[in-house]
Amino acid sequence: DFATPRAILTGHDYEITCATICAELGLVISGSKEGPCLLHSMNGDLLRTLEGPETLAGPENCLRPKLIQASREGHCVIYYENGLFCVFSVNGRLQATMETNDKIK
């Protein structure tokens, strides 16, 4: 048997650097090299764009997502290369931010 894709997700202009799947909610969240992060259904429909805050020293803070994790409760945590964490709801609303100088891997 040959595996076939369930859906093809589109919307990014640059290479994908991180992604996560939340099977409980039927969501796929992905981030690209020059941002933003996109929220898709598992059927391939683009639902939302998750953009970080522009008020924290300019939009360059949220251009390079490095890690993404989603929860069953409908929260998405995104860690950006410059040490910024952002928490979003699955509705695309930014709920919290935090900066750190630690190297997260």
PDB file of N, CA and C in Angstrom:
ATOM      1  N   ASP A   1       0.836  -1.195   0.000  1.00  0.00           N
ATOM      2  CA  ASP A   1       0.000   0.000   0.000  1.00  0.00           C
ATOM      3  C   ASP A   1       0.875   1.250   0.000  1.00  0.00           C
ATOM      4  N   PHE A   2       0.373   2.251  -0.695  1.00  0.00           N
ATOM      5  CA  PHE A   2       1.070   3.525  -0.759  1.00  0.00           C
ATOM      6  C   PHE A   2       0.348   4.551   0.106  1.00  0.00           C
ATOM      7  N   ALA A   3       1.119   5.296   0.853  1.00  0.00           N
ATOM      8  CA  ALA A   3       0.546   6.361   1.674  1.00  0.00           C
ATOM      9  C   ALA A   3       0.226   7.551   0.784  1.00  0.00           C
ATOM     10  N   THR A   4      -0.924   8.137   0.985  1.00  0.00           N
ATOM     11  CA  THR A   4      -1.302   9.329   0.237  1.00  0.00           C
ATOM     12  C   THR A   4      -1.610  10.445   1.229  1.00  0.00           C
ATOM     13  N   PRO A   5      -1.330  11.681   0.846  1.00  0.00           N
ATOM     14  CA  PRO A   5      -1.592  12.783   1.778  1.00  0.00           C
ATOM     15  C   PRO A   5      -3.083  12.977   2.000  1.00  0.00           C
ATOM     16  N   ARG A   6      -3.431  13.306   3.214  1.00  0.00           N
ATOM     17  CA  ARG A   6      -4.827  13.586   3.561  1.00  0.00           C
ATOM     18  C   ARG A   6      -5.235  14.956   3.027  1.00  0.00           C
ATOM     19  N   ALA A   7      -4.286  15.901   3.061  1.00  0.00           N
ATOM     20  CA  ALA A   7      -4.536  17.255   2.583  1.00  0.00           C
ATOM     21  C   ALA A   7      -3.207  17.923   2.261  1.00  0.00           C
ATOM     22  N   ILE A   8      -3.250  18.913   1.408  1.00  0.00           N
ATOM     23  CA  ILE A   8      -2.074  19.728   1.104  1.00  0.00           C
ATOM     24  C   ILE A   8      -2.345  21.105   1.676  1.00  0.00           C
ATOM     25  N   LEU A   9      -1.473  21.525   2.582  1.00  0.00           N
ATOM     26  CA  LEU A   9      -1.646  22.810   3.256  1.00  0.00           C
ATOM     27  C   LEU A   9      -0.859  23.877   2.513  1.00  0.00           C
ATOM     28  N   THR A  10      -1.498  24.985   2.216  1.00  0.00           N
ATOM     29  CA  THR A  10      -0.844  26.061   1.476  1.00  0.00           C
ATOM     30  C   THR A  10      -0.939  27.365   2.268  1.00  0.00           C
ATOM     31  N   GLY A  11      -0.155  28.341   1.857  1.00  0.00           N
ATOM     32  CA  GLY A  11      -0.232  29.665   2.472  1.00  0.00           C
ATOM     33  C   GLY A  11       1.092  30.283   2.832  1.00  0.00           C
ATOM     34  N   HIS A  12       2.121  29.477   3.025  1.00  0.00           N
ATOM     35  CA  HIS A  12       3.431  30.028   3.372  1.00  0.00           C
ATOM     36  C   HIS A  12       4.192  30.430   2.108  1.00  0.00           C
ATOM     37  N   ASP A  13       4.945  31.519   2.215  1.00  0.00           N
ATOM     38  CA  ASP A  13       5.785  31.971   1.110  1.00  0.00           C
ATOM     39  C   ASP A  13       7.230  31.496   1.254  1.00  0.00           C
ATOM     40  N   TYR A  14       7.601  31.026   2.439  1.00  0.00           N
ATOM     41  CA  TYR A  14       8.967  30.595   2.723  1.00  0.00           C
ATOM     42  C   TYR A  14       8.945  29.191   3.318  1.00  0.00           C
ATOM     43  N   GLU A  15      10.126  28.617   3.495  1.00  0.00           N
ATOM     44  CA  GLU A  15      10.216  27.248   4.004  1.00  0.00           C
ATOM     45  C   GLU A  15       9.655  27.128   5.411  1.00  0.00           C
ATOM     46  N   ILE A  16       9.056  25.973   5.703  1.00  0.00           N
ATOM     47  CA  ILE A  16       8.466  25.690   7.005  1.00  0.00           C
ATOM     48  C   ILE A  16       9.592  25.362   7.989  1.00  0.00           C
ATOM     49  N   THR A  17       9.571  26.010   9.150  1.00  0.00           N
ATOM     50  CA  THR A  17      10.600  25.767  10.165  1.00  0.00           C
ATOM     51  C   THR A  17      10.073  24.981  11.356  1.00  0.00           C
ATOM     52  N   CYS A  18       8.749  25.002  11.566  1.00  0.00           N
ATOM     53  CA  CYS A  18       8.166  24.274  12.693  1.00  0.00           C
ATOM     54  C   CYS A  18       6.688  24.009  12.417  1.00  0.00           C
ATOM     55  N   ALA A  19       6.190  22.937  13.022  1.00  0.00           N
ATOM     56  CA  ALA A  19       4.779  22.589  12.851  1.00  0.00           C
ATOM     57  C   ALA A  19       4.339  21.697  13.998  1.00  0.00           C
ATOM     58  N   THR A  20       3.041  21.694  14.255  1.00  0.00           N
ATOM     59  CA  THR A  20       2.457  20.804  15.247  1.00  0.00           C
ATOM     60  C   THR A  20       1.055  20.423  14.799  1.00  0.00           C
ATOM     61  N   ILE A  21       0.613  19.271  15.273  1.00  0.00           N
ATOM     62  CA  ILE A  21      -0.732  18.791  14.977  1.00  0.00           C
ATOM     63  C   ILE A  21      -1.464  18.593  16.293  1.00  0.00           C
ATOM     64  N   CYS A  22      -2.661  19.109  16.372  1.00  0.00           N
ATOM     65  CA  CYS A  22      -3.530  18.874  17.525  1.00  0.00           C
ATOM     66  C   CYS A  22      -4.704  18.045  17.021  1.00  0.00           C
ATOM     67  N   ALA A  23      -4.566  16.725  17.125  1.00  0.00           N
ATOM     68  CA  ALA A  23      -5.576  15.815  16.589  1.00  0.00           C
ATOM     69  C   ALA A  23      -6.911  15.966  17.305  1.00  0.00           C
ATOM     70  N   GLU A  24      -6.881  16.308  18.604  1.00  0.00           N
ATOM     71  CA  GLU A  24      -8.121  16.450  19.362  1.00  0.00           C
ATOM     72  C   GLU A  24      -9.001  17.573  18.812  1.00  0.00           C
ATOM     73  N   LEU A  25      -8.377  18.640  18.338  1.00  0.00           N
ATOM     74  CA  LEU A  25      -9.112  19.776  17.793  1.00  0.00           C
ATOM     75  C   LEU A  25      -9.145  19.778  16.268  1.00  0.00           C
ATOM     76  N   GLY A  26      -8.411  18.851  15.650  1.00  0.00           N
ATOM     77  CA  GLY A  26      -8.381  18.779  14.189  1.00  0.00           C
ATOM     78  C   GLY A  26      -7.648  19.941  13.552  1.00  0.00           C
ATOM     79  N   LEU A  27      -6.523  20.359  14.171  1.00  0.00           N
ATOM     80  CA  LEU A  27      -5.790  21.533  13.707  1.00  0.00           C
ATOM     81  C   LEU A  27      -4.335  21.212  13.398  1.00  0.00           C
ATOM     82  N   VAL A  28      -3.794  21.947  12.435  1.00  0.00           N
ATOM     83  CA  VAL A  28      -2.377  21.908  12.111  1.00  0.00           C
ATOM     84  C   VAL A  28      -1.880  23.345  12.169  1.00  0.00           C
ATOM     85  N   ILE A  29      -0.801  23.583  12.925  1.00  0.00           N
ATOM     86  CA  ILE A  29      -0.225  24.920  13.033  1.00  0.00           C
ATOM     87  C   ILE A  29       1.203  24.842  12.530  1.00  0.00           C
ATOM     88  N   SER A  30       1.558  25.756  11.637  1.00  0.00           N
ATOM     89  CA  SER A  30       2.900  25.736  11.057  1.00  0.00           C
ATOM     90  C   SER A  30       3.472  27.141  11.014  1.00  0.00           C
ATOM     91  N   GLY A  31       4.789  27.205  11.095  1.00  0.00           N
ATOM     92  CA  GLY A  31       5.495  28.479  11.024  1.00  0.00           C
ATOM     93  C   GLY A  31       6.557  28.419   9.954  1.00  0.00           C
ATOM     94  N   SER A  32       6.772  29.532   9.261  1.00  0.00           N
ATOM     95  CA  SER A  32       7.771  29.554   8.193  1.00  0.00           C
ATOM     96  C   SER A  32       8.929  30.471   8.554  1.00  0.00           C
ATOM     97  N   LYS A  33       9.967  30.386   7.761  1.00  0.00           N
ATOM     98  CA  LYS A  33      11.218  31.091   8.026  1.00  0.00           C
ATOM     99  C   LYS A  33      11.020  32.593   8.229  1.00  0.00           C
ATOM    100  N   GLU A  34      10.164  33.211   7.467  1.00  0.00           N
ATOM    101  CA  GLU A  34       9.911  34.642   7.608  1.00  0.00           C
ATOM    102  C   GLU A  34       8.503  34.932   8.100  1.00  0.00           C
ATOM    103  N   GLY A  35       7.898  33.963   8.821  1.00  0.00           N
ATOM    104  CA  GLY A  35       6.587  34.148   9.426  1.00  0.00           C
ATOM    105  C   GLY A  35       5.507  34.481   8.412  1.00  0.00           C
ATOM    106  N   PRO A  36       4.277  34.588   8.808  1.00  0.00           N
ATOM    107  CA  PRO A  36       3.720  34.324  10.126  1.00  0.00           C
ATOM    108  C   PRO A  36       3.402  32.842  10.303  1.00  0.00           C
ATOM    109  N   CYS A  37       2.774  32.505  11.413  1.00  0.00           N
ATOM    110  CA  CYS A  37       2.319  31.139  11.642  1.00  0.00           C
ATOM    111  C   CYS A  37       0.892  31.021  11.118  1.00  0.00           C
ATOM    112  N   LEU A  38       0.587  29.857  10.544  1.00  0.00           N
ATOM    113  CA  LEU A  38      -0.730  29.628   9.970  1.00  0.00           C
ATOM    114  C   LEU A  38      -1.435  28.489  10.680  1.00  0.00           C
ATOM    115  N   LEU A  39      -2.735  28.625  10.836  1.00  0.00           N
ATOM    116  CA  LEU A  39      -3.586  27.626  11.474  1.00  0.00           C
ATOM    117  C   LEU A  39      -4.495  27.038  10.396  1.00  0.00           C
ATOM    118  N   HIS A  40      -4.365  25.724  10.172  1.00  0.00           N
ATOM    119  CA  HIS A  40      -5.162  25.009   9.170  1.00  0.00           C
ATOM    120  C   HIS A  40      -6.026  23.951   9.848  1.00  0.00           C
ATOM    121  N   SER A  41      -7.117  23.605   9.200  1.00  0.00           N
ATOM    122  CA  SER A  41      -7.857  22.417   9.620  1.00  0.00           C
ATOM    123  C   SER A  41      -7.111  21.213   9.054  1.00  0.00           C
ATOM    124  N   MET A  42      -7.409  20.035   9.559  1.00  0.00           N
ATOM    125  CA  MET A  42      -6.741  18.838   9.050  1.00  0.00           C
ATOM    126  C   MET A  42      -7.217  18.490   7.640  1.00  0.00           C
ATOM    127  N   ASN A  43      -8.269  19.152   7.180  1.00  0.00           N
ATOM    128  CA  ASN A  43      -8.742  18.963   5.807  1.00  0.00           C
ATOM    129  C   ASN A  43      -8.018  19.866   4.824  1.00  0.00           C
ATOM    130  N   GLY A  44      -7.192  20.776   5.343  1.00  0.00           N
ATOM    131  CA  GLY A  44      -6.408  21.645   4.482  1.00  0.00           C
ATOM    132  C   GLY A  44      -6.915  23.065   4.370  1.00  0.00           C
ATOM    133  N   ASP A  45      -7.999  23.401   5.061  1.00  0.00           N
ATOM    134  CA  ASP A  45      -8.543  24.761   4.995  1.00  0.00           C
ATOM    135  C   ASP A  45      -7.717  25.707   5.864  1.00  0.00           C
ATOM    136  N   LEU A  46      -7.326  26.840   5.296  1.00  0.00           N
ATOM    137  CA  LEU A  46      -6.618  27.864   6.063  1.00  0.00           C
ATOM    138  C   LEU A  46      -7.637  28.587   6.938  1.00  0.00           C
ATOM    139  N   LEU A  47      -7.446  28.542   8.256  1.00  0.00           N
ATOM    140  CA  LEU A  47      -8.402  29.126   9.184  1.00  0.00           C
ATOM    141  C   LEU A  47      -7.990  30.499   9.685  1.00  0.00           C
ATOM    142  N   ARG A  48      -6.717  30.624  10.088  1.00  0.00           N
ATOM    143  CA  ARG A  48      -6.259  31.868  10.684  1.00  0.00           C
ATOM    144  C   ARG A  48      -4.762  32.075  10.447  1.00  0.00           C
ATOM    145  N   THR A  49      -4.367  33.324  10.615  1.00  0.00           N
ATOM    146  CA  THR A  49      -2.962  33.699  10.636  1.00  0.00           C
ATOM    147  C   THR A  49      -2.642  34.165  12.044  1.00  0.00           C
ATOM    148  N   LEU A  50      -1.593  33.617  12.631  1.00  0.00           N
ATOM    149  CA  LEU A  50      -1.186  33.995  13.987  1.00  0.00           C
ATOM    150  C   LEU A  50       0.023  34.920  13.881  1.00  0.00           C
ATOM    151  N   GLU A  51      -0.198  36.186  14.122  1.00  0.00           N
ATOM    152  CA  GLU A  51       0.884  37.160  14.036  1.00  0.00           C
ATOM    153  C   GLU A  51       1.207  37.684  15.420  1.00  0.00           C
ATOM    154  N   GLY A  52       2.492  37.764  15.718  1.00  0.00           N
ATOM    155  CA  GLY A  52       2.940  38.225  17.020  1.00  0.00           C
ATOM    156  C   GLY A  52       2.731  39.711  17.204  1.00  0.00           C
ATOM    157  N   PRO A  53       2.956  40.182  18.410  1.00  0.00           N
ATOM    158  CA  PRO A  53       2.720  41.599  18.710  1.00  0.00           C
ATOM    159  C   PRO A  53       3.712  42.502  17.997  1.00  0.00           C
ATOM    160  N   GLU A  54       3.225  43.603  17.468  1.00  0.00           N
ATOM    161  CA  GLU A  54       4.098  44.562  16.802  1.00  0.00           C
ATOM    162  C   GLU A  54       4.568  45.658  17.755  1.00  0.00           C
ATOM    163  N   THR A  55       4.051  45.659  18.951  1.00  0.00           N
ATOM    164  CA  THR A  55       4.393  46.720  19.899  1.00  0.00           C
ATOM    165  C   THR A  55       5.660  46.427  20.688  1.00  0.00           C
ATOM    166  N   LEU A  56       6.197  45.222  20.592  1.00  0.00           N
ATOM    167  CA  LEU A  56       7.405  44.881  21.356  1.00  0.00           C
ATOM    168  C   LEU A  56       8.644  45.146  20.517  1.00  0.00           C
ATOM    169  N   ALA A  57       8.992  46.401  20.356  1.00  0.00           N
ATOM    170  CA  ALA A  57      10.199  46.826  19.642  1.00  0.00           C
ATOM    171  C   ALA A  57      10.154  46.487  18.164  1.00  0.00           C
ATOM    172  N   GLY A  58       8.997  46.492  17.568  1.00  0.00           N
ATOM    173  CA  GLY A  58       8.897  46.323  16.119  1.00  0.00           C
ATOM    174  C   GLY A  58       8.497  44.926  15.697  1.00  0.00           C
ATOM    175  N   PRO A  59       8.012  44.798  14.466  1.00  0.00           N
ATOM    176  CA  PRO A  59       7.523  43.516  13.965  1.00  0.00           C
ATOM    177  C   PRO A  59       8.611  42.469  13.752  1.00  0.00           C
ATOM    178  N   GLU A  60       9.873  42.866  13.737  1.00  0.00           N
ATOM    179  CA  GLU A  60      10.944  41.886  13.536  1.00  0.00           C
ATOM    180  C   GLU A  60      11.037  40.887  14.683  1.00  0.00           C
ATOM    181  N   ASN A  61      10.423  41.172  15.831  1.00  0.00           N
ATOM    182  CA  ASN A  61      10.444  40.240  16.959  1.00  0.00           C
ATOM    183  C   ASN A  61       9.770  38.918  16.640  1.00  0.00           C
ATOM    184  N   CYS A  62       8.801  38.904  15.766  1.00  0.00           N
ATOM    185  CA  CYS A  62       8.010  37.701  15.541  1.00  0.00           C
ATOM    186  C   CYS A  62       8.133  37.169  14.128  1.00  0.00           C
ATOM    187  N   LEU A  63       9.260  37.331  13.505  1.00  0.00           N
ATOM    188  CA  LEU A  63       9.393  36.883  12.124  1.00  0.00           C
ATOM    189  C   LEU A  63       9.884  35.450  11.978  1.00  0.00           C
ATOM    190  N   ARG A  64      10.548  34.905  12.962  1.00  0.00           N
ATOM    191  CA  ARG A  64      11.162  33.584  12.794  1.00  0.00           C
ATOM    192  C   ARG A  64      10.718  32.604  13.877  1.00  0.00           C
ATOM    193  N   PRO A  65       9.570  31.969  13.687  1.00  0.00           N
ATOM    194  CA  PRO A  65       9.136  30.985  14.675  1.00  0.00           C
ATOM    195  C   PRO A  65      10.046  29.768  14.666  1.00  0.00           C
ATOM    196  N   LYS A  66      10.365  29.283  15.854  1.00  0.00           N
ATOM    197  CA  LYS A  66      11.288  28.161  15.984  1.00  0.00           C
ATOM    198  C   LYS A  66      10.597  26.912  16.521  1.00  0.00           C
ATOM    199  N   LEU A  67       9.693  27.078  17.489  1.00  0.00           N
ATOM    200  CA  LEU A  67       8.970  25.957  18.086  1.00  0.00           C
ATOM    201  C   LEU A  67       7.494  26.317  18.222  1.00  0.00           C
ATOM    202  N   ILE A  68       6.625  25.330  18.000  1.00  0.00           N
ATOM    203  CA  ILE A  68       5.183  25.517  18.169  1.00  0.00           C
ATOM    204  C   ILE A  68       4.640  24.320  18.935  1.00  0.00           C
ATOM    205  N   GLN A  69       3.730  24.598  19.866  1.00  0.00           N
ATOM    206  CA  GLN A  69       3.034  23.520  20.562  1.00  0.00           C
ATOM    207  C   GLN A  69       1.593  23.939  20.788  1.00  0.00           C
ATOM    208  N   ALA A  70       0.652  23.028  20.544  1.00  0.00           N
ATOM    209  CA  ALA A  70      -0.770  23.290  20.752  1.00  0.00           C
ATOM    210  C   ALA A  70      -1.282  22.390  21.868  1.00  0.00           C
ATOM    211  N   SER A  71      -2.304  22.874  22.570  1.00  0.00           N
ATOM    212  CA  SER A  71      -2.899  22.088  23.654  1.00  0.00           C
ATOM    213  C   SER A  71      -4.321  21.683  23.290  1.00  0.00           C
ATOM    214  N   ARG A  72      -4.833  20.694  24.012  1.00  0.00           N
ATOM    215  CA  ARG A  72      -6.211  20.243  23.814  1.00  0.00           C
ATOM    216  C   ARG A  72      -7.218  21.314  24.198  1.00  0.00           C
ATOM    217  N   GLU A  73      -6.798  22.242  25.040  1.00  0.00           N
ATOM    218  CA  GLU A  73      -7.688  23.292  25.512  1.00  0.00           C
ATOM    219  C   GLU A  73      -7.817  24.444  24.524  1.00  0.00           C
ATOM    220  N   GLY A  74      -7.083  24.390  23.430  1.00  0.00           N
ATOM    221  CA  GLY A  74      -7.197  25.425  22.411  1.00  0.00           C
ATOM    222  C   GLY A  74      -6.199  26.554  22.535  1.00  0.00           C
ATOM    223  N   HIS A  75      -5.042  26.290  23.137  1.00  0.00           N
ATOM    224  CA  HIS A  75      -3.986  27.287  23.230  1.00  0.00           C
ATOM    225  C   HIS A  75      -2.815  26.867  22.355  1.00  0.00           C
ATOM    226  N   CYS A  76      -2.137  27.845  21.823  1.00  0.00           N
ATOM    227  CA  CYS A  76      -0.958  27.593  20.998  1.00  0.00           C
ATOM    228  C   CYS A  76       0.182  28.452  21.527  1.00  0.00           C
ATOM    229  N   VAL A  77       1.315  27.817  21.835  1.00  0.00           N
ATOM    230  CA  VAL A  77       2.506  28.531  22.298  1.00  0.00           C
ATOM    231  C   VAL A  77       3.520  28.518  21.160  1.00  0.00           C
ATOM    232  N   ILE A  78       4.008  29.692  20.825  1.00  0.00           N
ATOM    233  CA  ILE A  78       5.014  29.823  19.766  1.00  0.00           C
ATOM    234  C   ILE A  78       6.251  30.467  20.366  1.00  0.00           C
ATOM    235  N   TYR A  79       7.398  29.855  20.110  1.00  0.00           N
ATOM    236  CA  TYR A  79       8.681  30.406  20.550  1.00  0.00           C
ATOM    237  C   TYR A  79       9.420  30.897  19.306  1.00  0.00           C
ATOM    238  N   TYR A  80       9.857  32.140  19.348  1.00  0.00           N
ATOM    239  CA  TYR A  80      10.565  32.755  18.222  1.00  0.00           C
ATOM    240  C   TYR A  80      12.065  32.790  18.501  1.00  0.00           C
ATOM    241  N   GLU A  81      12.858  32.832  17.452  1.00  0.00           N
ATOM    242  CA  GLU A  81      14.326  32.779  17.560  1.00  0.00           C
ATOM    243  C   GLU A  81      14.909  33.824  18.497  1.00  0.00           C
ATOM    244  N   ASN A  82      14.287  34.975  18.599  1.00  0.00           N
ATOM    245  CA  ASN A  82      14.849  36.053  19.406  1.00  0.00           C
ATOM    246  C   ASN A  82      14.511  35.942  20.887  1.00  0.00           C
ATOM    247  N   GLY A  83      13.882  34.837  21.322  1.00  0.00           N
ATOM    248  CA  GLY A  83      13.589  34.632  22.732  1.00  0.00           C
ATOM    249  C   GLY A  83      12.207  35.070  23.163  1.00  0.00           C
ATOM    250  N   LEU A  84      11.308  35.267  22.237  1.00  0.00           N
ATOM    251  CA  LEU A  84       9.958  35.703  22.563  1.00  0.00           C
ATOM    252  C   LEU A  84       8.992  34.530  22.520  1.00  0.00           C
ATOM    253  N   PHE A  85       8.217  34.354  23.593  1.00  0.00           N
ATOM    254  CA  PHE A  85       7.134  33.376  23.633  1.00  0.00           C
ATOM    255  C   PHE A  85       5.825  34.125  23.430  1.00  0.00           C
ATOM    256  N   CYS A  86       4.931  33.578  22.623  1.00  0.00           N
ATOM    257  CA  CYS A  86       3.594  34.134  22.448  1.00  0.00           C
ATOM    258  C   CYS A  86       2.583  33.012  22.637  1.00  0.00           C
ATOM    259  N   VAL A  87       1.501  33.300  23.346  1.00  0.00           N
ATOM    260  CA  VAL A  87       0.412  32.345  23.541  1.00  0.00           C
ATOM    261  C   VAL A  87      -0.809  32.892  22.810  1.00  0.00           C
ATOM    262  N   PHE A  88      -1.368  32.071  21.923  1.00  0.00           N
ATOM    263  CA  PHE A  88      -2.545  32.434  21.143  1.00  0.00           C
ATOM    264  C   PHE A  88      -3.687  31.488  21.472  1.00  0.00           C
ATOM    265  N   SER A  89      -4.908  31.965  21.316  1.00  0.00           N
ATOM    266  CA  SER A  89      -6.061  31.067  21.338  1.00  0.00           C
ATOM    267  C   SER A  89      -6.210  30.525  19.919  1.00  0.00           C
ATOM    268  N   VAL A  90      -6.986  29.456  19.742  1.00  0.00           N
ATOM    269  CA  VAL A  90      -7.182  28.923  18.394  1.00  0.00           C
ATOM    270  C   VAL A  90      -8.024  29.871  17.545  1.00  0.00           C
ATOM    271  N   ASN A  91      -8.591  30.893  18.168  1.00  0.00           N
ATOM    272  CA  ASN A  91      -9.313  31.920  17.424  1.00  0.00           C
ATOM    273  C   ASN A  91      -8.376  32.985  16.873  1.00  0.00           C
ATOM    274  N   GLY A  92      -7.076  32.845  17.144  1.00  0.00           N
ATOM    275  CA  GLY A  92      -6.088  33.777  16.621  1.00  0.00           C
ATOM    276  C   GLY A  92      -5.800  34.954  17.523  1.00  0.00           C
ATOM    277  N   ARG A  93      -6.379  34.977  18.708  1.00  0.00           N
ATOM    278  CA  ARG A  93      -6.173  36.098  19.621  1.00  0.00           C
ATOM    279  C   ARG A  93      -4.904  35.907  20.440  1.00  0.00           C
ATOM    280  N   LEU A  94      -4.057  36.921  20.441  1.00  0.00           N
ATOM    281  CA  LEU A  94      -2.841  36.900  21.255  1.00  0.00           C
ATOM    282  C   LEU A  94      -3.236  37.064  22.708  1.00  0.00           C
ATOM    283  N   GLN A  95      -2.859  36.101  23.556  1.00  0.00           N
ATOM    284  CA  GLN A  95      -3.261  36.128  24.956  1.00  0.00           C
ATOM    285  C   GLN A  95      -2.149  36.561  25.897  1.00  0.00           C
ATOM    286  N   ALA A  96      -0.906  36.224  25.573  1.00  0.00           N
ATOM    287  CA  ALA A  96       0.197  36.591  26.464  1.00  0.00           C
ATOM    288  C   ALA A  96       1.517  36.554  25.694  1.00  0.00           C
ATOM    289  N   THR A  97       2.478  37.311  26.188  1.00  0.00           N
ATOM    290  CA  THR A  97       3.834  37.276  25.637  1.00  0.00           C
ATOM    291  C   THR A  97       4.827  37.277  26.785  1.00  0.00           C
ATOM    292  N   MET A  98       6.024  36.767  26.517  1.00  0.00           N
ATOM    293  CA  MET A  98       7.093  36.767  27.506  1.00  0.00           C
ATOM    294  C   MET A  98       8.419  36.687  26.765  1.00  0.00           C
ATOM    295  N   GLU A  99       9.367  37.518  27.171  1.00  0.00           N
ATOM    296  CA  GLU A  99      10.693  37.468  26.584  1.00  0.00           C
ATOM    297  C   GLU A  99      11.661  36.759  27.522  1.00  0.00           C
ATOM    298  N   THR A 100      12.599  36.027  26.944  1.00  0.00           N
ATOM    299  CA  THR A 100      13.603  35.340  27.731  1.00  0.00           C
ATOM    300  C   THR A 100      14.950  35.457  27.031  1.00  0.00           C
ATOM    301  N   ASN A 101      16.017  35.475  27.810  1.00  0.00           N
ATOM    302  CA  ASN A 101      17.357  35.498  27.246  1.00  0.00           C
ATOM    303  C   ASN A 101      17.961  34.104  27.187  1.00  0.00           C
ATOM    304  N   ASP A 102      17.230  33.106  27.700  1.00  0.00           N
ATOM    305  CA  ASP A 102      17.723  31.737  27.696  1.00  0.00           C
ATOM    306  C   ASP A 102      17.628  31.133  26.306  1.00  0.00           C
ATOM    307  N   LYS A 103      18.503  30.187  26.033  1.00  0.00           N
ATOM    308  CA  LYS A 103      18.473  29.459  24.764  1.00  0.00           C
ATOM    309  C   LYS A 103      17.549  28.261  24.923  1.00  0.00           C
ATOM    310  N   ILE A 104      16.457  28.233  24.196  1.00  0.00           N
ATOM    311  CA  ILE A 104      15.473  27.171  24.273  1.00  0.00           C
ATOM    312  C   ILE A 104      15.694  26.206  23.107  1.00  0.00           C
ATOM    313  N   LYS A 105      15.754  24.938  23.403  1.00  0.00           N
ATOM    314  CA  LYS A 105      15.938  23.934  22.347  1.00  0.00           C
ATOM    315  C   LYS A 105      14.866  22.888  22.430  1.00  0.00           C
TER     316      LYS A 105
END
